[in-house]
Amino acid sequence: MIEISTPQARQVRDFVGSLPGVLSINLYGDRLHIALRERGVASGILDQVKTRGFLVDAQREILPSLEDAFIAMVQGQEGG
C-alpha cells in the first residue's frame, strides 16, 4: 500500500482508479491510501500520476490502517 499526499486528491483518485494493479483507493483529506496488487507497480503508478501533471507533495509505502481494513471489509460485503 502506498500513500500519496496531493492537493488534487479527488482528481488523482479518479485517475489512479483506472490504472492496472490498483485494488482500492481510500481518500483521507489530501491523502490517498492506494492498495496495490503487488509492490512492484508502485513506482509506475507514481510516475503516471506525475506525468499526468498532478502535484505530489509526498509519497511513501505504508501498512494498511485499521480504517483501510474496515473499509475493504465493508466494500467486500456490499459486493457479495
PDB file of N, CA and C in Angstrom:
ATOM      1  N   MET A   1       0.854  -1.167   0.000  1.00  0.00           N
ATOM      2  CA  MET A   1       0.000   0.000   0.000  1.00  0.00           C
ATOM      3  C   MET A   1       0.899   1.229   0.000  1.00  0.00           C
ATOM      4  N   ILE A   2       0.501   2.225  -0.782  1.00  0.00           N
ATOM      5  CA  ILE A   2       1.229   3.483  -0.794  1.00  0.00           C
ATOM      6  C   ILE A   2       0.293   4.611  -0.388  1.00  0.00           C
ATOM      7  N   GLU A   3       0.896   5.670   0.137  1.00  0.00           N
ATOM      8  CA  GLU A   3       0.157   6.869   0.488  1.00  0.00           C
ATOM      9  C   GLU A   3       0.703   8.007  -0.355  1.00  0.00           C
ATOM     10  N   ILE A   4      -0.191   8.748  -0.973  1.00  0.00           N
ATOM     11  CA  ILE A   4       0.171   9.932  -1.749  1.00  0.00           C
ATOM     12  C   ILE A   4      -0.530  11.125  -1.130  1.00  0.00           C
ATOM     13  N   SER A   5       0.224  12.185  -0.864  1.00  0.00           N
ATOM     14  CA  SER A   5      -0.358  13.451  -0.405  1.00  0.00           C
ATOM     15  C   SER A   5      -0.370  14.405  -1.585  1.00  0.00           C
ATOM     16  N   THR A   6      -1.543  14.960  -1.879  1.00  0.00           N
ATOM     17  CA  THR A   6      -1.695  15.849  -3.022  1.00  0.00           C
ATOM     18  C   THR A   6      -2.876  16.787  -2.801  1.00  0.00           C
ATOM     19  N   PRO A   7      -2.755  18.045  -3.224  1.00  0.00           N
ATOM     20  CA  PRO A   7      -3.903  18.945  -3.124  1.00  0.00           C
ATOM     21  C   PRO A   7      -4.998  18.597  -4.138  1.00  0.00           C
ATOM     22  N   GLN A   8      -4.705  17.691  -5.052  1.00  0.00           N
ATOM     23  CA  GLN A   8      -5.661  17.271  -6.080  1.00  0.00           C
ATOM     24  C   GLN A   8      -6.143  15.850  -5.812  1.00  0.00           C
ATOM     25  N   ALA A   9      -6.369  15.524  -4.548  1.00  0.00           N
ATOM     26  CA  ALA A   9      -6.638  14.146  -4.139  1.00  0.00           C
ATOM     27  C   ALA A   9      -7.811  13.511  -4.883  1.00  0.00           C
ATOM     28  N   ARG A  10      -8.898  14.225  -5.052  1.00  0.00           N
ATOM     29  CA  ARG A  10     -10.074  13.631  -5.728  1.00  0.00           C
ATOM     30  C   ARG A  10      -9.776  13.334  -7.197  1.00  0.00           C
ATOM     31  N   GLN A  11      -9.090  14.226  -7.873  1.00  0.00           N
ATOM     32  CA  GLN A  11      -8.757  14.005  -9.278  1.00  0.00           C
ATOM     33  C   GLN A  11      -7.755  12.853  -9.424  1.00  0.00           C
ATOM     34  N   VAL A  12      -6.775  12.803  -8.519  1.00  0.00           N
ATOM     35  CA  VAL A  12      -5.797  11.712  -8.558  1.00  0.00           C
ATOM     36  C   VAL A  12      -6.498  10.392  -8.279  1.00  0.00           C
ATOM     37  N   ARG A  13      -7.432  10.387  -7.326  1.00  0.00           N
ATOM     38  CA  ARG A  13      -8.191   9.162  -7.021  1.00  0.00           C
ATOM     39  C   ARG A  13      -8.904   8.648  -8.270  1.00  0.00           C
ATOM     40  N   ASP A  14      -9.567   9.541  -8.988  1.00  0.00           N
ATOM     41  CA  ASP A  14     -10.295   9.134 -10.188  1.00  0.00           C
ATOM     42  C   ASP A  14      -9.350   8.599 -11.256  1.00  0.00           C
ATOM     43  N   PHE A  15      -8.198   9.229 -11.398  1.00  0.00           N
ATOM     44  CA  PHE A  15      -7.216   8.791 -12.400  1.00  0.00           C
ATOM     45  C   PHE A  15      -6.596   7.449 -12.016  1.00  0.00           C
ATOM     46  N   VAL A  16      -6.127   7.334 -10.787  1.00  0.00           N
ATOM     47  CA  VAL A  16      -5.424   6.121 -10.346  1.00  0.00           C
ATOM     48  C   VAL A  16      -6.365   4.917 -10.321  1.00  0.00           C
ATOM     49  N   GLY A  17      -7.632   5.154 -10.055  1.00  0.00           N
ATOM     50  CA  GLY A  17      -8.589   4.055 -10.010  1.00  0.00           C
ATOM     51  C   GLY A  17      -8.710   3.294 -11.315  1.00  0.00           C
ATOM     52  N   SER A  18      -8.320   3.912 -12.415  1.00  0.00           N
ATOM     53  CA  SER A  18      -8.408   3.254 -13.719  1.00  0.00           C
ATOM     54  C   SER A  18      -7.110   2.545 -14.117  1.00  0.00           C
ATOM     55  N   LEU A  19      -6.076   2.639 -13.293  1.00  0.00           N
ATOM     56  CA  LEU A  19      -4.787   2.050 -13.644  1.00  0.00           C
ATOM     57  C   LEU A  19      -4.719   0.574 -13.252  1.00  0.00           C
ATOM     58  N   PRO A  20      -4.051  -0.242 -14.077  1.00  0.00           N
ATOM     59  CA  PRO A  20      -3.913  -1.658 -13.731  1.00  0.00           C
ATOM     60  C   PRO A  20      -3.035  -1.827 -12.491  1.00  0.00           C
ATOM     61  N   GLY A  21      -3.359  -2.820 -11.692  1.00  0.00           N
ATOM     62  CA  GLY A  21      -2.585  -3.116 -10.496  1.00  0.00           C
ATOM     63  C   GLY A  21      -3.122  -2.464  -9.236  1.00  0.00           C
ATOM     64  N   VAL A  22      -4.139  -1.598  -9.369  1.00  0.00           N
ATOM     65  CA  VAL A  22      -4.722  -0.917  -8.207  1.00  0.00           C
ATOM     66  C   VAL A  22      -5.931  -1.711  -7.719  1.00  0.00           C
ATOM     67  N   LEU A  23      -5.899  -2.107  -6.450  1.00  0.00           N
ATOM     68  CA  LEU A  23      -7.013  -2.860  -5.873  1.00  0.00           C
ATOM     69  C   LEU A  23      -8.086  -1.948  -5.295  1.00  0.00           C
ATOM     70  N   SER A  24      -7.653  -0.912  -4.568  1.00  0.00           N
ATOM     71  CA  SER A  24      -8.612   0.015  -3.965  1.00  0.00           C
ATOM     72  C   SER A  24      -7.912   1.314  -3.607  1.00  0.00           C
ATOM     73  N   ILE A  25      -8.731   2.355  -3.410  1.00  0.00           N
ATOM     74  CA  ILE A  25      -8.212   3.668  -3.032  1.00  0.00           C
ATOM     75  C   ILE A  25      -9.127   4.239  -1.960  1.00  0.00           C
ATOM     76  N   ASN A  26      -8.530   4.698  -0.870  1.00  0.00           N
ATOM     77  CA  ASN A  26      -9.285   5.368   0.192  1.00  0.00           C
ATOM     78  C   ASN A  26      -8.782   6.796   0.306  1.00  0.00           C
ATOM     79  N   LEU A  27      -9.704   7.731   0.411  1.00  0.00           N
ATOM     80  CA  LEU A  27      -9.398   9.157   0.461  1.00  0.00           C
ATOM     81  C   LEU A  27      -9.482   9.642   1.905  1.00  0.00           C
ATOM     82  N   TYR A  28      -8.435  10.319   2.362  1.00  0.00           N
ATOM     83  CA  TYR A  28      -8.367  10.895   3.706  1.00  0.00           C
ATOM     84  C   TYR A  28      -7.921  12.347   3.570  1.00  0.00           C
ATOM     85  N   GLY A  29      -8.830  13.234   3.263  1.00  0.00           N
ATOM     86  CA  GLY A  29      -8.480  14.647   3.063  1.00  0.00           C
ATOM     87  C   GLY A  29      -7.619  14.820   1.827  1.00  0.00           C
ATOM     88  N   ASP A  30      -6.360  15.216   2.022  1.00  0.00           N
ATOM     89  CA  ASP A  30      -5.459  15.390   0.888  1.00  0.00           C
ATOM     90  C   ASP A  30      -4.539  14.184   0.695  1.00  0.00           C
ATOM     91  N   ARG A  31      -4.856  13.077   1.392  1.00  0.00           N
ATOM     92  CA  ARG A  31      -4.045  11.863   1.284  1.00  0.00           C
ATOM     93  C   ARG A  31      -4.862  10.726   0.674  1.00  0.00           C
ATOM     94  N   LEU A  32      -4.196   9.918  -0.115  1.00  0.00           N
ATOM     95  CA  LEU A  32      -4.806   8.729  -0.702  1.00  0.00           C
ATOM     96  C   LEU A  32      -4.054   7.503  -0.206  1.00  0.00           C
ATOM     97  N   HIS A  33      -4.775   6.497   0.226  1.00  0.00           N
ATOM     98  CA  HIS A  33      -4.185   5.199   0.528  1.00  0.00           C
ATOM     99  C   HIS A  33      -4.556   4.296  -0.642  1.00  0.00           C
ATOM    100  N   ILE A  34      -3.543   3.826  -1.348  1.00  0.00           N
ATOM    101  CA  ILE A  34      -3.754   3.046  -2.565  1.00  0.00           C
ATOM    102  C   ILE A  34      -3.245   1.622  -2.336  1.00  0.00           C
ATOM    103  N   ALA A  35      -4.170   0.668  -2.353  1.00  0.00           N
ATOM    104  CA  ALA A  35      -3.811  -0.745  -2.214  1.00  0.00           C
ATOM    105  C   ALA A  35      -3.439  -1.285  -3.592  1.00  0.00           C
ATOM    106  N   LEU A  36      -2.312  -1.975  -3.644  1.00  0.00           N
ATOM    107  CA  LEU A  36      -1.778  -2.463  -4.921  1.00  0.00           C
ATOM    108  C   LEU A  36      -1.752  -3.985  -4.949  1.00  0.00           C
ATOM    109  N   ARG A  37      -1.868  -4.532  -6.155  1.00  0.00           N
ATOM    110  CA  ARG A  37      -1.774  -5.986  -6.331  1.00  0.00           C
ATOM    111  C   ARG A  37      -0.407  -6.502  -5.929  1.00  0.00           C
ATOM    112  N   GLU A  38       0.620  -5.732  -6.280  1.00  0.00           N
ATOM    113  CA  GLU A  38       1.981  -6.122  -5.927  1.00  0.00           C
ATOM    114  C   GLU A  38       2.838  -4.876  -5.749  1.00  0.00           C
ATOM    115  N   ARG A  39       3.840  -4.998  -4.942  1.00  0.00           N
ATOM    116  CA  ARG A  39       4.709  -3.881  -4.584  1.00  0.00           C
ATOM    117  C   ARG A  39       5.375  -3.254  -5.811  1.00  0.00           C
ATOM    118  N   GLY A  40       5.698  -4.035  -6.803  1.00  0.00           N
ATOM    119  CA  GLY A  40       6.436  -3.564  -7.964  1.00  0.00           C
ATOM    120  C   GLY A  40       5.729  -2.530  -8.824  1.00  0.00           C
ATOM    121  N   VAL A  41       4.428  -2.370  -8.695  1.00  0.00           N
ATOM    122  CA  VAL A  41       3.706  -1.408  -9.541  1.00  0.00           C
ATOM    123  C   VAL A  41       3.685   0.000  -8.959  1.00  0.00           C
ATOM    124  N   ALA A  42       4.127   0.170  -7.722  1.00  0.00           N
ATOM    125  CA  ALA A  42       4.045   1.475  -7.051  1.00  0.00           C
ATOM    126  C   ALA A  42       4.785   2.566  -7.809  1.00  0.00           C
ATOM    127  N   SER A  43       6.015   2.309  -8.223  1.00  0.00           N
ATOM    128  CA  SER A  43       6.783   3.362  -8.901  1.00  0.00           C
ATOM    129  C   SER A  43       6.152   3.735 -10.235  1.00  0.00           C
ATOM    130  N   GLY A  44       5.597   2.773 -10.951  1.00  0.00           N
ATOM    131  CA  GLY A  44       4.936   3.054 -12.218  1.00  0.00           C
ATOM    132  C   GLY A  44       3.697   3.911 -12.036  1.00  0.00           C
ATOM    133  N   ILE A  45       2.940   3.636 -10.998  1.00  0.00           N
ATOM    134  CA  ILE A  45       1.743   4.427 -10.716  1.00  0.00           C
ATOM    135  C   ILE A  45       2.126   5.850 -10.350  1.00  0.00           C
ATOM    136  N   LEU A  46       3.121   6.004  -9.496  1.00  0.00           N
ATOM    137  CA  LEU A  46       3.583   7.342  -9.117  1.00  0.00           C
ATOM    138  C   LEU A  46       4.100   8.109 -10.332  1.00  0.00           C
ATOM    139  N   ASP A  47       4.827   7.422 -11.206  1.00  0.00           N
ATOM    140  CA  ASP A  47       5.319   8.066 -12.432  1.00  0.00           C
ATOM    141  C   ASP A  47       4.159   8.546 -13.299  1.00  0.00           C
ATOM    142  N   GLN A  48       3.130   7.727 -13.440  1.00  0.00           N
ATOM    143  CA  GLN A  48       1.980   8.106 -14.264  1.00  0.00           C
ATOM    144  C   GLN A  48       1.226   9.295 -13.671  1.00  0.00           C
ATOM    145  N   VAL A  49       1.112   9.333 -12.346  1.00  0.00           N
ATOM    146  CA  VAL A  49       0.441  10.453 -11.679  1.00  0.00           C
ATOM    147  C   VAL A  49       1.193  11.746 -11.965  1.00  0.00           C
ATOM    148  N   LYS A  50       2.514  11.703 -11.820  1.00  0.00           N
ATOM    149  CA  LYS A  50       3.332  12.898 -12.043  1.00  0.00           C
ATOM    150  C   LYS A  50       3.357  13.294 -13.513  1.00  0.00           C
ATOM    151  N   THR A  51       3.429  12.311 -14.418  1.00  0.00           N
ATOM    152  CA  THR A  51       3.426  12.588 -15.859  1.00  0.00           C
ATOM    153  C   THR A  51       2.116  13.234 -16.278  1.00  0.00           C
ATOM    154  N   ARG A  52       1.023  12.860 -15.634  1.00  0.00           N
ATOM    155  CA  ARG A  52      -0.294  13.426 -15.937  1.00  0.00           C
ATOM    156  C   ARG A  52      -0.403  14.879 -15.468  1.00  0.00           C
ATOM    157  N   GLY A  53       0.597  15.346 -14.686  1.00  0.00           N
ATOM    158  CA  GLY A  53       0.633  16.735 -14.268  1.00  0.00           C
ATOM    159  C   GLY A  53       0.093  17.006 -12.880  1.00  0.00           C
ATOM    160  N   PHE A  54      -0.201  15.947 -12.118  1.00  0.00           N
ATOM    161  CA  PHE A  54      -0.687  16.130 -10.763  1.00  0.00           C
ATOM    162  C   PHE A  54       0.478  16.460  -9.827  1.00  0.00           C
ATOM    163  N   LEU A  55       0.233  17.335  -8.874  1.00  0.00           N
ATOM    164  CA  LEU A  55       1.222  17.704  -7.872  1.00  0.00           C
ATOM    165  C   LEU A  55       1.211  16.670  -6.760  1.00  0.00           C
ATOM    166  N   VAL A  56       2.378  16.109  -6.455  1.00  0.00           N
ATOM    167  CA  VAL A  56       2.514  15.147  -5.367  1.00  0.00           C
ATOM    168  C   VAL A  56       3.407  15.776  -4.307  1.00  0.00           C
ATOM    169  N   ASP A  57       2.821  16.077  -3.138  1.00  0.00           N
ATOM    170  CA  ASP A  57       3.580  16.683  -2.045  1.00  0.00           C
ATOM    171  C   ASP A  57       4.463  15.667  -1.336  1.00  0.00           C
ATOM    172  N   ALA A  58       3.950  14.440  -1.191  1.00  0.00           N
ATOM    173  CA  ALA A  58       4.697  13.388  -0.504  1.00  0.00           C
ATOM    174  C   ALA A  58       4.179  12.034  -0.955  1.00  0.00           C
ATOM    175  N   GLN A  59       5.044  11.045  -0.820  1.00  0.00           N
ATOM    176  CA  GLN A  59       4.665   9.673  -1.156  1.00  0.00           C
ATOM    177  C   GLN A  59       5.468   8.737  -0.265  1.00  0.00           C
ATOM    178  N   ARG A  60       4.838   7.638   0.112  1.00  0.00           N
ATOM    179  CA  ARG A  60       5.553   6.666   0.932  1.00  0.00           C
ATOM    180  C   ARG A  60       4.804   5.346   0.928  1.00  0.00           C
ATOM    181  N   GLU A  61       5.534   4.290   1.221  1.00  0.00           N
ATOM    182  CA  GLU A  61       4.924   2.983   1.384  1.00  0.00           C
ATOM    183  C   GLU A  61       4.412   2.892   2.813  1.00  0.00           C
ATOM    184  N   ILE A  62       3.206   2.367   2.982  1.00  0.00           N
ATOM    185  CA  ILE A  62       2.608   2.254   4.310  1.00  0.00           C
ATOM    186  C   ILE A  62       1.988   0.876   4.495  1.00  0.00           C
ATOM    187  N   LEU A  63       1.703   0.545   5.743  1.00  0.00           N
ATOM    188  CA  LEU A  63       0.899  -0.623   6.049  1.00  0.00           C
ATOM    189  C   LEU A  63      -0.559  -0.179   6.110  1.00  0.00           C
ATOM    190  N   PRO A  64      -1.489  -1.029   5.728  1.00  0.00           N
ATOM    191  CA  PRO A  64      -2.904  -0.652   5.812  1.00  0.00           C
ATOM    192  C   PRO A  64      -3.292  -0.330   7.250  1.00  0.00           C
ATOM    193  N   SER A  65      -4.083   0.723   7.426  1.00  0.00           N
ATOM    194  CA  SER A  65      -4.583   1.089   8.750  1.00  0.00           C
ATOM    195  C   SER A  65      -5.801   0.232   9.081  1.00  0.00           C
ATOM    196  N   LEU A  66      -6.236   0.299  10.322  1.00  0.00           N
ATOM    197  CA  LEU A  66      -7.470  -0.399  10.697  1.00  0.00           C
ATOM    198  C   LEU A  66      -8.652   0.129   9.888  1.00  0.00           C
ATOM    199  N   GLU A  67      -8.643   1.425   9.626  1.00  0.00           N
ATOM    200  CA  GLU A  67      -9.722   2.015   8.826  1.00  0.00           C
ATOM    201  C   GLU A  67      -9.707   1.470   7.395  1.00  0.00           C
ATOM    202  N   ASP A  68      -8.516   1.320   6.820  1.00  0.00           N
ATOM    203  CA  ASP A  68      -8.409   0.734   5.472  1.00  0.00           C
ATOM    204  C   ASP A  68      -8.985  -0.680   5.465  1.00  0.00           C
ATOM    205  N   ALA A  69      -8.632  -1.462   6.477  1.00  0.00           N
ATOM    206  CA  ALA A  69      -9.128  -2.840   6.561  1.00  0.00           C
ATOM    207  C   ALA A  69     -10.643  -2.867   6.734  1.00  0.00           C
ATOM    208  N   PHE A  70     -11.175  -1.984   7.559  1.00  0.00           N
ATOM    209  CA  PHE A  70     -12.621  -1.916   7.769  1.00  0.00           C
ATOM    210  C   PHE A  70     -13.347  -1.548   6.481  1.00  0.00           C
ATOM    211  N   ILE A  71     -12.838  -0.546   5.772  1.00  0.00           N
ATOM    212  CA  ILE A  71     -13.464  -0.138   4.508  1.00  0.00           C
ATOM    213  C   ILE A  71     -13.445  -1.275   3.507  1.00  0.00           C
ATOM    214  N   ALA A  72     -12.327  -1.989   3.405  1.00  0.00           N
ATOM    215  CA  ALA A  72     -12.231  -3.120   2.480  1.00  0.00           C
ATOM    216  C   ALA A  72     -13.234  -4.200   2.855  1.00  0.00           C
ATOM    217  N   MET A  73     -13.393  -4.455   4.152  1.00  0.00           N
ATOM    218  CA  MET A  73     -14.331  -5.472   4.611  1.00  0.00           C
ATOM    219  C   MET A  73     -15.770  -5.070   4.261  1.00  0.00           C
ATOM    220  N   VAL A  74     -16.136  -3.821   4.521  1.00  0.00           N
ATOM    221  CA  VAL A  74     -17.484  -3.342   4.225  1.00  0.00           C
ATOM    222  C   VAL A  74     -17.749  -3.384   2.718  1.00  0.00           C
ATOM    223  N   GLN A  75     -16.786  -2.946   1.929  1.00  0.00           N
ATOM    224  CA  GLN A  75     -16.958  -2.970   0.473  1.00  0.00           C
ATOM    225  C   GLN A  75     -17.094  -4.400  -0.022  1.00  0.00           C
ATOM    226  N   GLY A  76     -16.369  -5.326   0.584  1.00  0.00           N
ATOM    227  CA  GLY A  76     -16.491  -6.741   0.204  1.00  0.00           C
ATOM    228  C   GLY A  76     -17.857  -7.294   0.508  1.00  0.00           C
ATOM    229  N   GLN A  77     -18.457  -6.894   1.629  1.00  0.00           N
ATOM    230  CA  GLN A  77     -19.796  -7.357   1.990  1.00  0.00           C
ATOM    231  C   GLN A  77     -20.850  -6.750   1.083  1.00  0.00           C
ATOM    232  N   GLU A  78     -20.657  -5.505   0.671  1.00  0.00           N
ATOM    233  CA  GLU A  78     -21.611  -4.864  -0.232  1.00  0.00           C
ATOM    234  C   GLU A  78     -21.576  -5.498  -1.601  1.00  0.00           C
ATOM    235  N   GLY A  79     -20.392  -5.951  -2.024  1.00  0.00           N
ATOM    236  CA  GLY A  79     -20.255  -6.544  -3.351  1.00  0.00           C
ATOM    237  C   GLY A  79     -20.709  -7.984  -3.393  1.00  0.00           C
ATOM    238  N   GLY A  80     -20.843  -8.624  -2.269  1.00  0.00           N
ATOM    239  CA  GLY A  80     -21.147 -10.046  -2.264  1.00  0.00           C
ATOM    240  C   GLY A  80     -22.380 -10.313  -1.602  1.00  0.00           C
TER     241      GLY A  80
END
